[in-house]
N, C-alpha and C. Protein backbone atom coordinates (compact mmCIF):
# COMPACT_ATOMS: atom_id res chain seq x y z
N MET A 1 55.89 -22.11 34.39
CA MET A 1 54.52 -21.10 34.42
C MET A 1 54.24 -21.85 36.38
N THR A 2 53.80 -20.55 36.61
CA THR A 2 53.16 -20.42 38.15
C THR A 2 52.13 -20.58 37.98
N ARG A 3 51.70 -21.13 39.24
CA ARG A 3 50.21 -21.13 39.08
C ARG A 3 48.95 -20.06 38.86
N LYS A 4 49.66 -18.73 39.15
CA LYS A 4 48.99 -17.91 38.82
C LYS A 4 48.94 -17.68 37.93
N SER A 5 49.54 -17.69 36.84
CA SER A 5 49.85 -17.51 35.60
C SER A 5 48.95 -18.49 35.01
N ARG A 6 49.12 -19.54 34.89
CA ARG A 6 48.11 -20.84 34.45
C ARG A 6 46.78 -20.48 34.63
N ARG A 7 46.25 -19.73 36.03
CA ARG A 7 45.11 -19.50 35.95
C ARG A 7 44.40 -18.34 35.33
N LEU A 8 45.29 -17.19 34.69
CA LEU A 8 45.08 -16.35 33.95
C LEU A 8 44.61 -16.55 32.47
N ILE A 9 45.54 -17.60 32.43
CA ILE A 9 45.82 -17.98 30.85
C ILE A 9 44.15 -18.94 30.80
N LEU A 10 43.88 -19.33 31.96
CA LEU A 10 42.42 -20.36 31.72
C LEU A 10 41.55 -19.30 32.00
N ILE A 11 41.26 -18.56 32.31
CA ILE A 11 40.14 -17.47 32.80
C ILE A 11 39.93 -16.59 31.19
N ALA A 12 41.29 -16.35 30.71
CA ALA A 12 41.29 -15.77 29.39
C ALA A 12 40.92 -16.31 27.96
N ALA A 13 41.38 -17.62 28.26
CA ALA A 13 40.69 -18.92 27.13
C ALA A 13 39.14 -19.10 27.65
N CYS A 14 38.47 -18.73 28.86
CA CYS A 14 37.08 -19.07 28.81
C CYS A 14 36.74 -17.47 28.59
N GLY A 15 37.08 -16.66 28.85
CA GLY A 15 36.51 -15.25 28.44
C GLY A 15 36.51 -15.04 26.79
N ALA A 16 37.41 -15.62 26.10
CA ALA A 16 37.30 -15.68 24.85
C ALA A 16 36.60 -16.66 23.75
N VAL A 17 36.19 -17.73 24.75
CA VAL A 17 35.00 -18.79 24.19
C VAL A 17 33.89 -18.22 24.77
N LEU A 18 33.85 -17.87 25.67
CA LEU A 18 31.72 -16.71 25.51
C LEU A 18 31.97 -15.61 24.99
N ALA A 19 32.99 -15.08 24.85
CA ALA A 19 32.33 -13.99 23.57
C ALA A 19 32.61 -14.03 22.42
N LEU A 20 33.37 -15.19 21.84
CA LEU A 20 32.79 -15.72 20.88
C LEU A 20 31.26 -16.38 20.49
N ALA A 21 31.30 -17.56 21.27
CA ALA A 21 29.77 -17.72 22.03
C ALA A 21 28.59 -17.02 21.45
N LEU A 22 29.00 -15.77 22.46
CA LEU A 22 28.00 -14.33 22.71
C LEU A 22 28.01 -13.81 21.12
N GLY A 23 28.82 -13.81 20.31
CA GLY A 23 28.53 -12.99 19.03
C GLY A 23 28.08 -14.13 17.72
N LEU A 24 28.42 -15.31 18.02
CA LEU A 24 27.50 -16.57 17.43
C LEU A 24 26.20 -16.36 17.81
N ILE A 25 25.77 -16.35 18.92
CA ILE A 25 24.30 -15.97 19.15
C ILE A 25 23.74 -14.67 18.65
N LEU A 26 24.61 -13.51 18.71
CA LEU A 26 24.02 -12.44 18.34
C LEU A 26 23.67 -12.65 16.76
N SER A 27 24.65 -13.12 16.08
CA SER A 27 24.49 -12.75 14.82
C SER A 27 23.45 -13.88 14.57
N ALA A 28 23.18 -14.54 14.45
CA ALA A 28 22.52 -15.84 14.55
C ALA A 28 21.06 -14.92 14.21
N MET A 29 20.31 -14.61 15.65
CA MET A 29 19.51 -13.43 16.01
C MET A 29 19.09 -12.45 15.15
N SER A 30 20.37 -11.97 14.75
CA SER A 30 20.01 -10.57 13.83
C SER A 30 18.99 -10.69 12.40
N GLY A 31 18.91 -11.98 11.94
CA GLY A 31 18.22 -12.11 10.77
C GLY A 31 16.85 -12.62 11.39
N SER A 32 16.36 -12.77 12.77
CA SER A 32 15.15 -13.14 12.60
C SER A 32 14.43 -11.99 13.64
N ILE A 33 15.41 -11.00 13.59
CA ILE A 33 14.58 -9.75 14.53
C ILE A 33 13.92 -8.98 13.13
N VAL A 34 12.52 -8.69 13.19
CA VAL A 34 11.99 -8.27 13.05
C VAL A 34 11.12 -7.06 13.27
N PHE A 35 10.93 -5.55 12.73
CA PHE A 35 10.62 -4.61 13.92
C PHE A 35 9.58 -4.38 13.13
N PHE A 36 8.56 -3.70 13.75
CA PHE A 36 7.33 -3.13 13.31
C PHE A 36 7.39 -1.71 12.98
N ARG A 37 6.60 -1.06 11.67
CA ARG A 37 6.52 -0.19 11.82
C ARG A 37 5.25 0.62 10.69
N SER A 38 4.34 1.45 10.82
CA SER A 38 3.58 2.21 10.19
C SER A 38 3.86 2.70 8.95
N PRO A 39 2.27 3.08 8.13
CA PRO A 39 2.78 3.89 6.88
C PRO A 39 3.81 4.90 7.17
N ALA A 40 3.07 5.73 8.01
CA ALA A 40 4.00 6.58 8.11
C ALA A 40 5.39 6.83 8.51
N GLU A 41 5.36 5.85 9.52
CA GLU A 41 6.95 5.72 9.86
C GLU A 41 7.60 5.35 8.73
N VAL A 42 7.41 4.45 7.85
CA VAL A 42 8.20 3.91 6.47
C VAL A 42 7.82 5.26 5.76
N ALA A 43 7.19 5.73 5.46
CA ALA A 43 7.00 7.56 5.01
C ALA A 43 8.67 8.21 5.04
N ALA A 44 8.22 8.38 6.35
CA ALA A 44 9.70 9.45 7.14
C ALA A 44 10.57 9.22 7.56
N GLN A 45 10.82 7.47 7.18
CA GLN A 45 12.09 7.34 7.51
C GLN A 45 12.98 7.01 5.91
N GLY A 46 12.16 6.63 5.17
CA GLY A 46 12.80 5.92 4.32
C GLY A 46 13.45 4.71 4.42
N VAL A 47 12.55 3.50 4.69
CA VAL A 47 13.23 2.57 4.67
C VAL A 47 14.00 1.85 3.62
N ALA A 48 15.37 0.86 3.80
CA ALA A 48 16.05 0.93 2.44
C ALA A 48 15.20 -0.65 2.36
N PRO A 49 15.58 -0.27 0.89
CA PRO A 49 14.59 -2.05 0.00
C PRO A 49 15.53 -3.17 0.63
N GLY A 50 14.70 -3.89 0.93
CA GLY A 50 14.91 -5.54 0.97
C GLY A 50 15.43 -5.28 2.81
N THR A 51 14.79 -4.23 3.63
CA THR A 51 14.67 -4.51 4.67
C THR A 51 13.27 -5.15 5.27
N ARG A 52 13.56 -6.02 5.99
CA ARG A 52 12.54 -7.05 6.13
C ARG A 52 11.77 -5.99 7.59
N PHE A 53 10.53 -6.45 7.49
CA PHE A 53 9.52 -5.79 9.04
C PHE A 53 8.24 -6.29 8.61
N ARG A 54 7.85 -5.80 9.72
CA ARG A 54 5.82 -5.51 9.52
C ARG A 54 5.47 -4.37 9.90
N LEU A 55 4.31 -4.22 8.56
CA LEU A 55 3.54 -3.00 8.59
C LEU A 55 2.34 -2.77 9.02
N GLY A 56 1.89 -2.34 9.90
CA GLY A 56 0.94 -2.48 10.13
C GLY A 56 -0.35 -1.46 10.34
N GLY A 57 -1.64 -1.26 9.79
CA GLY A 57 -2.23 -0.62 9.48
C GLY A 57 -3.95 -0.64 9.22
N LEU A 58 -4.87 -0.05 8.23
CA LEU A 58 -6.01 -0.73 7.87
C LEU A 58 -5.83 -0.74 6.70
N VAL A 59 -6.46 -1.12 5.66
CA VAL A 59 -6.89 -1.49 4.33
C VAL A 59 -7.56 -0.58 3.49
N THR A 60 -6.90 0.29 3.08
CA THR A 60 -7.62 1.32 2.20
C THR A 60 -8.44 1.21 1.20
N GLU A 61 -9.89 1.82 1.74
CA GLU A 61 -11.04 1.41 0.82
C GLU A 61 -11.00 1.60 -0.29
N GLY A 62 -11.25 1.23 -1.29
CA GLY A 62 -11.33 0.88 -2.63
C GLY A 62 -10.24 0.35 -3.65
N SER A 63 -8.83 -0.35 -2.82
CA SER A 63 -7.57 -0.83 -3.13
C SER A 63 -7.49 -1.95 -3.39
N VAL A 64 -8.16 -2.83 -2.64
CA VAL A 64 -8.10 -4.50 -3.20
C VAL A 64 -8.16 -4.59 -4.59
N LYS A 65 -7.01 -5.13 -4.92
CA LYS A 65 -7.69 -5.67 -6.70
C LYS A 65 -6.66 -7.55 -6.62
N ARG A 66 -7.63 -7.97 -6.99
CA ARG A 66 -7.23 -9.20 -6.98
C ARG A 66 -7.42 -9.79 -8.55
N GLY A 67 -5.89 -10.45 -8.25
CA GLY A 67 -5.00 -10.77 -10.14
C GLY A 67 -5.33 -12.34 -10.33
N PRO A 68 -4.51 -12.51 -10.74
CA PRO A 68 -4.34 -14.11 -11.57
C PRO A 68 -3.30 -14.57 -10.44
N ASP A 69 -3.52 -15.94 -9.99
CA ASP A 69 -3.04 -16.88 -9.32
C ASP A 69 -2.56 -16.59 -8.28
N GLN A 70 -3.32 -15.89 -7.32
CA GLN A 70 -3.80 -15.81 -5.68
C GLN A 70 -2.88 -14.63 -5.44
N ASN A 71 -2.82 -13.04 -6.43
CA ASN A 71 -2.50 -12.17 -6.33
C ASN A 71 -2.73 -11.33 -5.74
N VAL A 72 -2.63 -10.36 -5.07
CA VAL A 72 -3.48 -9.42 -4.39
C VAL A 72 -2.46 -8.43 -4.28
N GLU A 73 -3.31 -6.95 -4.73
CA GLU A 73 -2.73 -5.93 -4.81
C GLU A 73 -3.85 -4.91 -3.55
N PHE A 74 -3.01 -4.25 -2.43
CA PHE A 74 -4.00 -3.41 -1.66
C PHE A 74 -2.80 -2.22 -1.43
N SER A 75 -3.68 -1.67 -0.47
CA SER A 75 -3.13 -0.45 -0.09
C SER A 75 -3.13 -0.61 1.53
N VAL A 76 -2.43 -0.09 2.82
CA VAL A 76 -2.32 0.16 4.01
C VAL A 76 -2.24 1.49 4.21
N THR A 77 -2.16 1.88 5.07
CA THR A 77 -2.64 3.28 5.44
C THR A 77 -2.84 3.60 7.03
N ASP A 78 -2.57 4.68 7.66
CA ASP A 78 -2.47 4.80 9.15
C ASP A 78 -3.26 5.82 9.34
N THR A 79 -4.28 6.35 7.78
CA THR A 79 -4.41 7.98 7.61
C THR A 79 -3.35 8.92 7.74
N ASN A 80 -2.51 8.81 7.84
CA ASN A 80 -1.27 9.92 7.83
C ASN A 80 -0.30 9.85 6.34
N ALA A 81 -0.11 8.61 6.08
CA ALA A 81 0.42 7.56 5.07
C ALA A 81 -0.16 6.63 4.16
N THR A 82 0.29 6.18 2.82
CA THR A 82 -0.36 4.81 2.84
C THR A 82 0.83 4.01 1.67
N VAL A 83 0.90 2.88 1.98
CA VAL A 83 2.03 2.19 1.66
C VAL A 83 1.03 1.18 0.28
N PRO A 84 1.70 1.37 -0.70
CA PRO A 84 1.16 -0.24 -1.72
C PRO A 84 1.94 -1.83 -1.55
N VAL A 85 0.78 -2.58 -1.37
CA VAL A 85 1.06 -4.00 -0.66
C VAL A 85 0.93 -5.03 -1.67
N GLN A 86 1.83 -5.60 -2.37
CA GLN A 86 1.21 -6.74 -3.04
C GLN A 86 1.83 -8.14 -2.14
N TYR A 87 0.94 -9.45 -2.73
CA TYR A 87 0.85 -10.00 -2.07
C TYR A 87 0.44 -11.50 -3.03
N ARG A 88 0.56 -12.39 -2.54
CA ARG A 88 0.70 -13.81 -3.16
C ARG A 88 0.50 -15.36 -2.33
N GLY A 89 -0.85 -15.19 -2.14
CA GLY A 89 -1.18 -16.34 -1.24
C GLY A 89 -3.03 -16.14 -0.96
N LEU A 90 -3.01 -17.47 -0.49
CA LEU A 90 -4.52 -17.19 0.40
C LEU A 90 -3.94 -16.35 1.51
N LEU A 91 -5.54 -14.91 1.35
CA LEU A 91 -5.62 -13.79 2.17
C LEU A 91 -6.30 -14.40 3.53
N PRO A 92 -6.43 -14.07 4.65
CA PRO A 92 -6.91 -14.75 5.80
C PRO A 92 -8.60 -14.32 5.71
N ASP A 93 -9.54 -15.08 6.17
CA ASP A 93 -11.00 -14.94 5.88
C ASP A 93 -11.67 -13.85 6.53
N LEU A 94 -10.76 -12.96 7.46
CA LEU A 94 -11.40 -11.22 8.08
C LEU A 94 -10.50 -10.31 6.86
N PHE A 95 -9.89 -10.86 6.29
CA PHE A 95 -9.16 -9.92 5.54
C PHE A 95 -10.60 -8.91 4.70
N ARG A 96 -10.84 -7.57 4.53
CA ARG A 96 -11.35 -6.62 4.02
C ARG A 96 -10.82 -5.78 4.12
N GLU A 97 -11.43 -4.37 3.41
CA GLU A 97 -11.40 -3.27 3.16
C GLU A 97 -11.51 -2.35 4.41
N GLY A 98 -10.54 -1.23 4.79
CA GLY A 98 -11.32 -1.15 6.11
C GLY A 98 -10.46 -1.64 7.24
N GLN A 99 -10.24 -2.83 7.29
CA GLN A 99 -9.80 -3.75 8.40
C GLN A 99 -8.54 -3.48 8.81
N GLY A 100 -8.48 -3.79 9.99
CA GLY A 100 -6.81 -3.17 10.41
C GLY A 100 -6.23 -5.02 10.17
N ILE A 101 -4.79 -4.62 9.57
CA ILE A 101 -4.01 -5.95 9.42
C ILE A 101 -2.70 -5.85 10.03
N VAL A 102 -1.80 -6.66 9.80
CA VAL A 102 -0.36 -6.78 9.74
C VAL A 102 0.43 -7.58 8.68
N ALA A 103 1.25 -7.26 8.18
CA ALA A 103 1.76 -8.01 6.99
C ALA A 103 3.31 -7.50 7.16
N GLU A 104 3.47 -8.93 6.61
CA GLU A 104 5.36 -8.84 7.24
C GLU A 104 5.98 -9.50 5.54
N GLY A 105 6.93 -8.67 5.45
CA GLY A 105 7.72 -8.89 4.11
C GLY A 105 8.73 -7.97 3.81
N LYS A 106 9.01 -7.60 2.64
CA LYS A 106 10.32 -6.35 2.31
C LYS A 106 9.45 -5.42 1.68
N LEU A 107 10.06 -4.01 1.72
CA LEU A 107 10.18 -3.28 0.90
C LEU A 107 10.54 -3.47 -0.51
N ASP A 108 10.38 -2.91 -1.55
CA ASP A 108 11.30 -3.31 -2.85
C ASP A 108 11.70 -1.77 -3.06
N ALA A 109 12.65 -1.86 -4.40
CA ALA A 109 13.39 -0.30 -4.59
C ALA A 109 12.16 0.75 -4.99
N GLY A 110 10.80 -0.12 -5.43
CA GLY A 110 10.33 1.44 -6.18
C GLY A 110 8.99 1.17 -5.28
N GLY A 111 9.31 0.98 -3.66
CA GLY A 111 8.59 1.69 -2.59
C GLY A 111 7.45 0.95 -2.55
N VAL A 112 6.81 -0.34 -2.92
CA VAL A 112 6.18 -1.56 -2.70
C VAL A 112 6.40 -2.87 -1.94
N PHE A 113 5.58 -2.26 -0.79
CA PHE A 113 5.98 -3.53 -0.04
C PHE A 113 5.69 -5.04 -0.39
N ARG A 114 6.24 -5.75 -0.07
CA ARG A 114 5.88 -7.48 -0.78
C ARG A 114 6.00 -8.44 0.34
N ALA A 115 4.72 -8.20 0.37
CA ALA A 115 4.56 -9.17 1.84
C ALA A 115 4.44 -10.66 1.37
N ASP A 116 5.10 -11.44 2.53
CA ASP A 116 4.47 -12.78 2.31
C ASP A 116 3.64 -13.42 3.79
N THR A 117 3.38 -13.07 4.67
CA THR A 117 2.64 -13.11 5.54
C THR A 117 1.48 -11.78 5.81
N VAL A 118 0.35 -12.40 5.60
CA VAL A 118 -1.04 -11.57 5.98
C VAL A 118 -1.48 -11.67 7.08
N LEU A 119 -1.83 -11.00 8.44
CA LEU A 119 -2.68 -11.43 9.05
C LEU A 119 -3.77 -10.46 9.06
N ALA A 120 -5.06 -10.23 9.85
CA ALA A 120 -6.01 -9.79 10.06
C ALA A 120 -6.36 -10.23 11.78
N LYS A 121 -7.20 -9.19 11.50
CA LYS A 121 -7.25 -8.99 13.11
C LYS A 121 -8.87 -10.01 13.32
N HIS A 122 -8.51 -10.44 14.67
CA HIS A 122 -9.78 -11.52 14.64
C HIS A 122 -11.25 -11.34 15.21
N ASP A 123 -11.64 -9.67 15.92
CA ASP A 123 -12.85 -9.86 15.33
C ASP A 123 -13.02 -8.49 15.36
N GLU A 124 -14.09 -7.58 15.67
CA GLU A 124 -14.52 -6.14 15.01
C GLU A 124 -14.07 -5.50 16.64
N ASN A 125 -13.22 -5.94 17.46
CA ASN A 125 -12.65 -5.07 18.70
C ASN A 125 -11.31 -5.13 19.04
N TYR A 126 -10.56 -5.96 18.26
CA TYR A 126 -9.47 -6.54 18.57
C TYR A 126 -8.68 -5.56 17.57
N MET A 127 -7.46 -4.97 18.18
CA MET A 127 -5.88 -4.46 16.92
C MET A 127 -4.76 -4.56 17.60
N PRO A 128 -4.44 -4.87 16.83
CA PRO A 128 -2.79 -5.52 17.22
C PRO A 128 -2.60 -3.96 18.49
N ARG A 129 -1.66 -4.45 19.08
CA ARG A 129 -0.78 -3.86 20.19
C ARG A 129 -0.41 -2.58 19.31
N GLU A 130 0.48 -3.14 17.87
CA GLU A 130 1.14 -1.96 17.68
C GLU A 130 0.71 -1.10 17.00
N VAL A 131 -0.76 -1.22 16.06
CA VAL A 131 -1.62 -0.98 15.24
C VAL A 131 -2.03 0.38 15.89
N ALA A 132 -3.00 -0.51 17.65
CA ALA A 132 -3.53 0.96 18.21
C ALA A 132 -2.35 1.80 18.88
N ASP A 133 -1.08 0.90 18.80
CA ASP A 133 -0.17 2.43 19.33
C ASP A 133 -0.16 3.46 18.58
N ALA A 134 0.19 3.02 17.06
CA ALA A 134 0.53 4.72 16.33
C ALA A 134 -0.54 5.43 15.97
N LEU A 135 -1.81 4.34 15.78
CA LEU A 135 -3.09 5.34 15.75
C LEU A 135 -3.52 6.29 16.79
N LYS A 136 -2.74 5.20 18.38
CA LYS A 136 -3.14 6.82 19.31
C LYS A 136 -2.34 7.77 19.33
N ALA A 137 -1.14 7.36 18.55
CA ALA A 137 0.09 8.23 18.39
C ALA A 137 -0.26 9.66 17.71
N GLN A 138 -1.26 9.09 16.67
CA GLN A 138 -1.50 10.33 15.65
C GLN A 138 -3.04 10.83 16.08
N GLY A 139 -3.27 10.15 17.22
CA GLY A 139 -4.56 11.00 17.76
C GLY A 139 -6.04 10.48 16.74
N ARG A 140 -5.62 9.06 15.96
CA ARG A 140 -6.84 8.36 15.58
C ARG A 140 -7.27 7.35 16.07
N TRP A 141 -6.95 7.08 17.71
CA TRP A 141 -7.77 6.14 18.11
C TRP A 141 -9.18 6.31 18.40
N GLN A 142 -9.84 5.79 18.61
CA GLN A 142 -11.73 5.86 18.98
C GLN A 142 -11.57 4.57 20.09
N GLU A 143 -11.76 5.49 21.22
CA GLU A 143 -12.09 4.61 22.43
C GLU A 143 -12.53 3.63 22.20
N GLY A 144 -13.90 3.80 22.04
CA GLY A 144 -14.99 2.83 21.93
C GLY A 144 -14.61 2.23 20.68
N GLY A 145 -14.07 2.57 19.41
CA GLY A 145 -13.91 1.64 18.06
C GLY A 145 -13.45 0.14 18.01
N GLY A 146 -12.36 0.12 19.22
CA GLY A 146 -11.44 -1.01 18.94
C GLY A 146 -10.22 -0.76 20.60
N LYS A 147 -10.39 -1.83 20.84
CA LYS A 147 -9.59 -2.53 22.04
C LYS A 147 -8.25 -3.27 21.74
N GLU A 148 -7.53 -2.88 23.02
CA GLU A 148 -6.17 -3.52 22.69
C GLU A 148 -5.79 -4.71 23.22
N ALA A 149 -4.96 -5.58 22.76
CA ALA A 149 -5.25 -6.71 23.45
C ALA A 149 -4.72 -6.66 24.65
N PRO A 150 -5.02 -7.52 25.42
CA PRO A 150 -5.06 -7.06 26.93
C PRO A 150 -3.76 -7.58 27.01
N LYS A 151 -2.83 -7.25 28.40
CA LYS A 151 -1.56 -7.77 28.52
C LYS A 151 -1.66 -9.01 28.85
N ASP A 152 -2.68 -9.09 29.82
CA ASP A 152 -2.50 -10.38 30.44
C ASP A 152 -3.55 -11.71 30.25
N ALA A 153 -3.53 -11.52 28.84
CA ALA A 153 -4.81 -12.41 28.32
C ALA A 153 -4.88 -13.65 28.51
N ALA A 154 -3.63 -14.09 28.05
CA ALA A 154 -3.33 -15.35 28.51
C ALA A 154 -3.39 -15.81 29.84
N LYS A 155 -3.34 -15.59 30.71
CA LYS A 155 -3.31 -15.52 32.20
C LYS A 155 -4.51 -15.39 32.84
N ASP A 156 -5.28 -14.39 32.02
CA ASP A 156 -7.12 -14.23 32.36
C ASP A 156 -7.85 -15.51 31.84
N ALA A 157 -7.07 -16.15 30.63
CA ALA A 157 -7.97 -16.77 30.42
C ALA A 157 -7.56 -18.40 30.85
N ALA A 158 -6.20 -18.43 31.54
CA ALA A 158 -6.20 -19.68 32.15
C ALA A 158 -6.58 -19.90 33.56
N LYS A 159 -7.14 -18.73 34.51
CA LYS A 159 -7.31 -18.83 35.33
C LYS A 159 -9.09 -19.47 35.10
N PRO A 160 -9.22 -20.22 35.74
CA PRO A 160 -10.36 -20.78 36.30
C PRO A 160 -11.18 -19.96 37.32
N ALA A 161 -12.95 -20.07 36.95
CA ALA A 161 -13.83 -19.12 37.92
C ALA A 161 -14.11 -19.39 39.63
N SER A 162 -13.50 -21.05 39.82
CA SER A 162 -13.53 -21.12 41.56
C SER A 162 -12.86 -22.69 40.71
N ALA A 163 -12.17 -22.86 42.13
CA ALA A 163 -11.66 -24.66 41.86
C ALA A 163 -12.71 -25.76 41.60
N ASP A 164 -13.66 -25.89 42.42
CA ASP A 164 -14.39 -26.70 41.14
C ASP A 164 -14.96 -26.90 40.12
N ALA A 165 -14.92 -25.49 39.68
CA ALA A 165 -14.76 -24.95 38.20
C ALA A 165 -13.60 -25.89 37.15
N ALA A 166 -12.47 -26.11 37.30
CA ALA A 166 -11.14 -26.30 37.36
C ALA A 166 -11.33 -27.51 37.61
N LEU A 167 -11.70 -28.31 38.44
CA LEU A 167 -11.60 -29.65 38.92
C LEU A 167 -13.06 -30.54 38.23
N GLY A 168 -14.05 -29.78 38.02
CA GLY A 168 -15.20 -30.67 37.52
C GLY A 168 -15.69 -31.20 38.60
N GLN A 169 -16.59 -32.00 38.08
CA GLN A 169 -17.62 -32.60 39.20
C GLN A 169 -16.61 -33.69 39.84
N ARG A 170 -16.29 -33.45 41.44
CA ARG A 170 -15.91 -34.42 41.86
C ARG A 170 -16.43 -35.87 41.69
N SER A 171 -15.90 -37.04 41.82
CA SER A 171 -16.72 -38.08 41.99
C SER A 171 -16.18 -38.58 43.30
N GLU A 172 -16.85 -39.29 43.80
CA GLU A 172 -16.94 -40.16 44.98
C GLU A 172 -16.88 -41.51 44.99
N ARG A 173 -15.76 -41.72 46.14
CA ARG A 173 -15.03 -43.27 45.66
C ARG A 173 -15.78 -43.83 46.73
């Protein structure tokens, strides 16, 4: 075997190992990717039962029904469509009717979204970016009624007002 053919075999073997590693990484990640959908998208696209996704919108007024063993049923709407949701567990303190939420779970064969996680917005001005974008796309966004999460909120919060504020009072030695 010549030196050139050995080099080609080595390159081909390395390429095959890299392709296998990439395939394993992508297959492992495919199970953890969760997409956001609004109720209108769920109704229009006909999401397959058992598909895991995040559902975002507003809790429909008068739809919250509490049952035994922390079972809660409610509906989520984006004003164009409504999706019934069932959840078992403790709801966030800020959860209430008319409030923006994001729920993560699966759609069952009957069209009921079975949530395993429910997140509520953290104050009256915040709305998850996905929910705000969905409401803007439908023309239901009110500029004064809510604010999107700032893109650089973490950077802005981390910036000190001045160098002295970041270091505090300097002690004299």
